[in-house]
Amino acid sequence: MEESKLPVAPAKLSPAVIVVAVLVAAGGVAFWYLDRAAKQPAAAPPPVTDEAKAYAGKLKLSDVDMSAREDYFHNKVVEITGKIQNTGDRALGLVEINCVFHDPYGQVVLRQRTPIVGNKAGGLAPGAEKPFRLPFDTIPESWNNIMPQLVIARIDFQ
């Protein structure tokens, strides 16, 4: 008996299968891009300009205090509060400080740069004073529980 060879039509893909394949491929590309972007080192903050260094002496920190409490999730939160005063003659748009925490041996365990004058808090006019509040919840256990160094890291003028 002789086998008859009939032409076989190629299998057709349904539109739903094509859509799912495109979505899976797009998701893979998006994951790869975001993963790669997350591994890029953060850009270094700009250095303090000579103009800002000269003006830093006209900024006065006062009533600086530190307290600790537990948050809702039983994590230790350390807050540094105080006031900053602009005794100079220029309006400020941004002031950032480095908060430098040490261990009992004097080694730096955390250096965190944070704004005390800026977008959320608004600028600081000449002669004006403004309160600030800095919460920290990621301080290593090795911290010596002493007030960190507060160092002016950036000043932007308006």
C-alpha atoms as a PDB file:
ATOM      1  CA  MET A   1       0.000   0.000   0.000  1.00  0.00           C
ATOM      2  CA  GLU A   2       1.289   3.282  -0.971  1.00  0.00           C
ATOM      3  CA  GLU A   3       1.311   6.174   1.500  1.00  0.00           C
ATOM      4  CA  SER A   4      -0.204   9.323   0.248  1.00  0.00           C
ATOM      5  CA  LYS A   5       1.572  12.495   1.175  1.00  0.00           C
ATOM      6  CA  LEU A   6      -0.791  15.328   1.806  1.00  0.00           C
ATOM      7  CA  PRO A   7       0.516  18.845   2.310  1.00  0.00           C
ATOM      8  CA  VAL A   8       0.524  19.820   5.982  1.00  0.00           C
ATOM      9  CA  ALA A   9      -0.474  23.405   6.805  1.00  0.00           C
ATOM     10  CA  PRO A  10       1.796  25.187   9.286  1.00  0.00           C
ATOM     11  CA  ALA A  11       0.344  25.603  12.793  1.00  0.00           C
ATOM     12  CA  LYS A  12      -1.040  29.095  13.419  1.00  0.00           C
ATOM     13  CA  LEU A  13      -0.306  30.937  16.634  1.00  0.00           C
ATOM     14  CA  SER A  14      -3.250  32.545  18.330  1.00  0.00           C
ATOM     15  CA  PRO A  15      -3.105  36.325  18.978  1.00  0.00           C
ATOM     16  CA  ALA A  16      -3.162  35.692  22.745  1.00  0.00           C
ATOM     17  CA  VAL A  17       0.048  33.632  22.560  1.00  0.00           C
ATOM     18  CA  ILE A  18       1.761  36.381  20.560  1.00  0.00           C
ATOM     19  CA  VAL A  19       0.684  39.067  23.056  1.00  0.00           C
ATOM     20  CA  VAL A  20       1.936  37.001  26.009  1.00  0.00           C
ATOM     21  CA  ALA A  21       5.277  36.389  24.270  1.00  0.00           C
ATOM     22  CA  VAL A  22       5.718  40.113  23.564  1.00  0.00           C
ATOM     23  CA  LEU A  23       4.856  41.013  27.178  1.00  0.00           C
ATOM     24  CA  VAL A  24       7.297  38.440  28.566  1.00  0.00           C
ATOM     25  CA  ALA A  25      10.047  39.735  26.278  1.00  0.00           C
ATOM     26  CA  ALA A  26       9.315  43.372  27.238  1.00  0.00           C
ATOM     27  CA  GLY A  27       9.329  42.430  30.935  1.00  0.00           C
ATOM     28  CA  GLY A  28      12.688  40.711  30.539  1.00  0.00           C
ATOM     29  CA  VAL A  29      14.198  43.747  28.839  1.00  0.00           C
ATOM     30  CA  ALA A  30      12.764  46.079  31.531  1.00  0.00           C
ATOM     31  CA  PHE A  31      14.140  43.866  34.328  1.00  0.00           C
ATOM     32  CA  TRP A  32      17.577  43.768  32.697  1.00  0.00           C
ATOM     33  CA  TYR A  33      17.635  47.566  32.276  1.00  0.00           C
ATOM     34  CA  LEU A  34      16.497  48.307  35.864  1.00  0.00           C
ATOM     35  CA  ASP A  35      18.896  45.732  37.318  1.00  0.00           C
ATOM     36  CA  ARG A  36      21.777  47.239  35.355  1.00  0.00           C
ATOM     37  CA  ALA A  37      20.790  50.783  36.381  1.00  0.00           C
ATOM     38  CA  ALA A  38      20.594  49.773  40.061  1.00  0.00           C
ATOM     39  CA  LYS A  39      24.153  48.439  39.953  1.00  0.00           C
ATOM     40  CA  GLN A  40      25.563  51.741  38.684  1.00  0.00           C
ATOM     41  CA  PRO A  41      27.372  53.654  41.438  1.00  0.00           C
ATOM     42  CA  ALA A  42      25.566  56.746  42.672  1.00  0.00           C
ATOM     43  CA  ALA A  43      26.927  60.014  41.400  1.00  0.00           C
ATOM     44  CA  ALA A  44      29.234  61.686  43.872  1.00  0.00           C
ATOM     45  CA  PRO A  45      27.739  64.814  45.425  1.00  0.00           C
ATOM     46  CA  PRO A  46      29.275  68.051  44.222  1.00  0.00           C
ATOM     47  CA  PRO A  47      32.185  69.341  46.312  1.00  0.00           C
ATOM     48  CA  VAL A  48      31.824  72.425  48.474  1.00  0.00           C
ATOM     49  CA  THR A  49      32.635  75.487  46.382  1.00  0.00           C
ATOM     50  CA  ASP A  50      35.112  78.117  47.590  1.00  0.00           C
ATOM     51  CA  GLU A  51      32.239  80.600  47.747  1.00  0.00           C
ATOM     52  CA  ALA A  52      30.255  78.227  49.988  1.00  0.00           C
ATOM     53  CA  LYS A  53      33.295  77.563  52.197  1.00  0.00           C
ATOM     54  CA  ALA A  54      33.722  81.297  52.731  1.00  0.00           C
ATOM     55  CA  TYR A  55      30.023  81.703  53.574  1.00  0.00           C
ATOM     56  CA  ALA A  56      29.787  78.666  55.903  1.00  0.00           C
ATOM     57  CA  GLY A  57      31.054  80.734  58.831  1.00  0.00           C
ATOM     58  CA  LYS A  58      27.917  82.877  58.536  1.00  0.00           C
ATOM     59  CA  LEU A  59      25.662  79.901  59.288  1.00  0.00           C
ATOM     60  CA  LYS A  60      25.067  79.233  62.963  1.00  0.00           C
ATOM     61  CA  LEU A  61      23.629  76.022  64.386  1.00  0.00           C
ATOM     62  CA  SER A  62      21.977  76.422  67.785  1.00  0.00           C
ATOM     63  CA  ASP A  63      19.794  74.499  70.235  1.00  0.00           C
ATOM     64  CA  VAL A  64      21.093  71.246  68.725  1.00  0.00           C
ATOM     65  CA  ASP A  65      19.723  68.261  70.632  1.00  0.00           C
ATOM     66  CA  MET A  66      19.592  64.522  70.107  1.00  0.00           C
ATOM     67  CA  SER A  67      16.921  62.094  71.256  1.00  0.00           C
ATOM     68  CA  ALA A  68      16.036  58.456  70.605  1.00  0.00           C
ATOM     69  CA  ARG A  69      12.712  56.656  70.482  1.00  0.00           C
ATOM     70  CA  GLU A  70      11.173  53.470  69.113  1.00  0.00           C
ATOM     71  CA  ASP A  71       8.952  53.656  66.058  1.00  0.00           C
ATOM     72  CA  TYR A  72       5.806  51.627  65.432  1.00  0.00           C
ATOM     73  CA  PHE A  73       7.888  48.648  64.236  1.00  0.00           C
ATOM     74  CA  HIS A  74      10.135  48.727  67.354  1.00  0.00           C
ATOM     75  CA  ASN A  75      13.093  50.162  65.433  1.00  0.00           C
ATOM     76  CA  LYS A  76      15.342  52.696  67.133  1.00  0.00           C
ATOM     77  CA  VAL A  77      14.992  56.174  65.621  1.00  0.00           C
ATOM     78  CA  VAL A  78      17.509  58.866  66.560  1.00  0.00           C
ATOM     79  CA  GLU A  79      16.448  62.464  65.946  1.00  0.00           C
ATOM     80  CA  ILE A  80      18.670  65.501  65.850  1.00  0.00           C
ATOM     81  CA  THR A  81      16.842  68.795  66.153  1.00  0.00           C
ATOM     82  CA  GLY A  82      18.052  72.349  66.207  1.00  0.00           C
ATOM     83  CA  LYS A  83      17.996  75.703  64.487  1.00  0.00           C
ATOM     84  CA  ILE A  84      20.067  77.169  61.680  1.00  0.00           C
ATOM     85  CA  GLN A  85      20.549  80.906  61.383  1.00  0.00           C
ATOM     86  CA  ASN A  86      21.827  82.808  58.363  1.00  0.00           C
ATOM     87  CA  THR A  87      23.863  85.710  59.780  1.00  0.00           C
ATOM     88  CA  GLY A  88      25.139  86.658  56.322  1.00  0.00           C
ATOM     89  CA  ASP A  89      23.732  88.925  53.635  1.00  0.00           C
ATOM     90  CA  ARG A  90      22.746  86.340  50.987  1.00  0.00           C
ATOM     91  CA  ALA A  91      19.582  84.287  50.571  1.00  0.00           C
ATOM     92  CA  LEU A  92      20.121  80.542  50.592  1.00  0.00           C
ATOM     93  CA  GLY A  93      18.217  78.004  48.507  1.00  0.00           C
ATOM     94  CA  LEU A  94      19.860  74.846  49.847  1.00  0.00           C
ATOM     95  CA  VAL A  95      22.047  73.895  52.791  1.00  0.00           C
ATOM     96  CA  GLU A  96      23.150  70.278  53.243  1.00  0.00           C
ATOM     97  CA  ILE A  97      25.129  68.872  56.127  1.00  0.00           C
ATOM     98  CA  ASN A  98      27.088  65.667  56.644  1.00  0.00           C
ATOM     99  CA  CYS A  99      26.147  63.883  59.843  1.00  0.00           C
ATOM    100  CA  VAL A 100      29.154  61.757  60.809  1.00  0.00           C
ATOM    101  CA  PHE A 101      28.583  58.996  63.368  1.00  0.00           C
ATOM    102  CA  HIS A 102      31.531  57.231  65.081  1.00  0.00           C
ATOM    103  CA  ASP A 103      32.116  54.039  67.033  1.00  0.00           C
ATOM    104  CA  PRO A 104      33.797  53.958  70.486  1.00  0.00           C
ATOM    105  CA  TYR A 105      37.211  53.812  68.769  1.00  0.00           C
ATOM    106  CA  GLY A 106      36.622  56.958  66.721  1.00  0.00           C
ATOM    107  CA  GLN A 107      36.042  55.111  63.446  1.00  0.00           C
ATOM    108  CA  VAL A 108      33.302  56.444  61.151  1.00  0.00           C
ATOM    109  CA  VAL A 109      30.344  54.031  61.103  1.00  0.00           C
ATOM    110  CA  LEU A 110      27.911  56.224  59.141  1.00  0.00           C
ATOM    111  CA  ARG A 111      28.209  59.393  57.081  1.00  0.00           C
ATOM    112  CA  GLN A 112      24.868  60.682  55.867  1.00  0.00           C
ATOM    113  CA  ARG A 113      24.355  63.832  53.837  1.00  0.00           C
ATOM    114  CA  THR A 114      21.010  65.505  54.377  1.00  0.00           C
ATOM    115  CA  PRO A 115      19.422  68.888  53.619  1.00  0.00           C
ATOM    116  CA  ILE A 116      18.436  71.179  56.496  1.00  0.00           C
ATOM    117  CA  VAL A 117      17.392  74.051  54.215  1.00  0.00           C
ATOM    118  CA  GLY A 118      15.932  73.308  50.822  1.00  0.00           C
ATOM    119  CA  ASN A 119      12.993  72.223  48.705  1.00  0.00           C
ATOM    120  CA  LYS A 120      10.741  70.917  51.490  1.00  0.00           C
ATOM    121  CA  ALA A 121      11.744  73.431  54.154  1.00  0.00           C
ATOM    122  CA  GLY A 122      12.090  76.422  51.828  1.00  0.00           C
ATOM    123  CA  GLY A 123      15.018  78.826  51.572  1.00  0.00           C
ATOM    124  CA  LEU A 124      16.699  80.885  54.263  1.00  0.00           C
ATOM    125  CA  ALA A 125      16.732  84.664  53.979  1.00  0.00           C
ATOM    126  CA  PRO A 126      19.550  86.829  55.362  1.00  0.00           C
ATOM    127  CA  GLY A 127      19.166  87.166  59.137  1.00  0.00           C
ATOM    128  CA  ALA A 128      16.505  84.452  59.275  1.00  0.00           C
ATOM    129  CA  GLU A 129      16.451  81.409  61.532  1.00  0.00           C
ATOM    130  CA  LYS A 130      14.780  78.087  60.803  1.00  0.00           C
ATOM    131  CA  PRO A 131      14.305  74.880  62.821  1.00  0.00           C
ATOM    132  CA  PHE A 132      15.446  71.519  61.469  1.00  0.00           C
ATOM    133  CA  ARG A 133      14.735  67.897  62.348  1.00  0.00           C
ATOM    134  CA  LEU A 134      16.891  64.999  61.150  1.00  0.00           C
ATOM    135  CA  PRO A 135      15.614  61.457  61.803  1.00  0.00           C
ATOM    136  CA  PHE A 136      17.987  58.487  61.465  1.00  0.00           C
ATOM    137  CA  ASP A 137      16.854  54.860  61.604  1.00  0.00           C
ATOM    138  CA  THR A 138      19.807  53.070  59.994  1.00  0.00           C
ATOM    139  CA  ILE A 139      22.617  53.841  62.424  1.00  0.00           C
ATOM    140  CA  PRO A 140      24.812  50.765  62.994  1.00  0.00           C
ATOM    141  CA  GLU A 141      24.788  49.115  66.429  1.00  0.00           C
ATOM    142  CA  SER A 142      28.493  49.937  66.782  1.00  0.00           C
ATOM    143  CA  TRP A 143      27.709  53.680  67.065  1.00  0.00           C
ATOM    144  CA  ASN A 144      29.028  55.238  70.278  1.00  0.00           C
ATOM    145  CA  ASN A 145      25.702  57.031  71.051  1.00  0.00           C
ATOM    146  CA  ILE A 146      27.411  60.421  71.070  1.00  0.00           C
ATOM    147  CA  MET A 147      26.161  63.408  69.035  1.00  0.00           C
ATOM    148  CA  PRO A 148      27.529  63.049  65.499  1.00  0.00           C
ATOM    149  CA  GLN A 149      29.669  65.688  63.859  1.00  0.00           C
ATOM    150  CA  LEU A 150      27.555  68.106  61.825  1.00  0.00           C
ATOM    151  CA  VAL A 151      29.555  69.533  58.920  1.00  0.00           C
ATOM    152  CA  ILE A 152      28.285  71.910  56.213  1.00  0.00           C
ATOM    153  CA  ALA A 153      28.516  69.940  52.963  1.00  0.00           C
ATOM    154  CA  ARG A 154      26.813  72.209  50.434  1.00  0.00           C
ATOM    155  CA  ILE A 155      25.399  75.702  50.117  1.00  0.00           C
ATOM    156  CA  ASP A 156      23.391  76.891  47.111  1.00  0.00           C
ATOM    157  CA  PHE A 157      22.580  80.575  46.904  1.00  0.00           C
ATOM    158  CA  GLN A 158      19.286  81.906  45.566  1.00  0.00           C
END
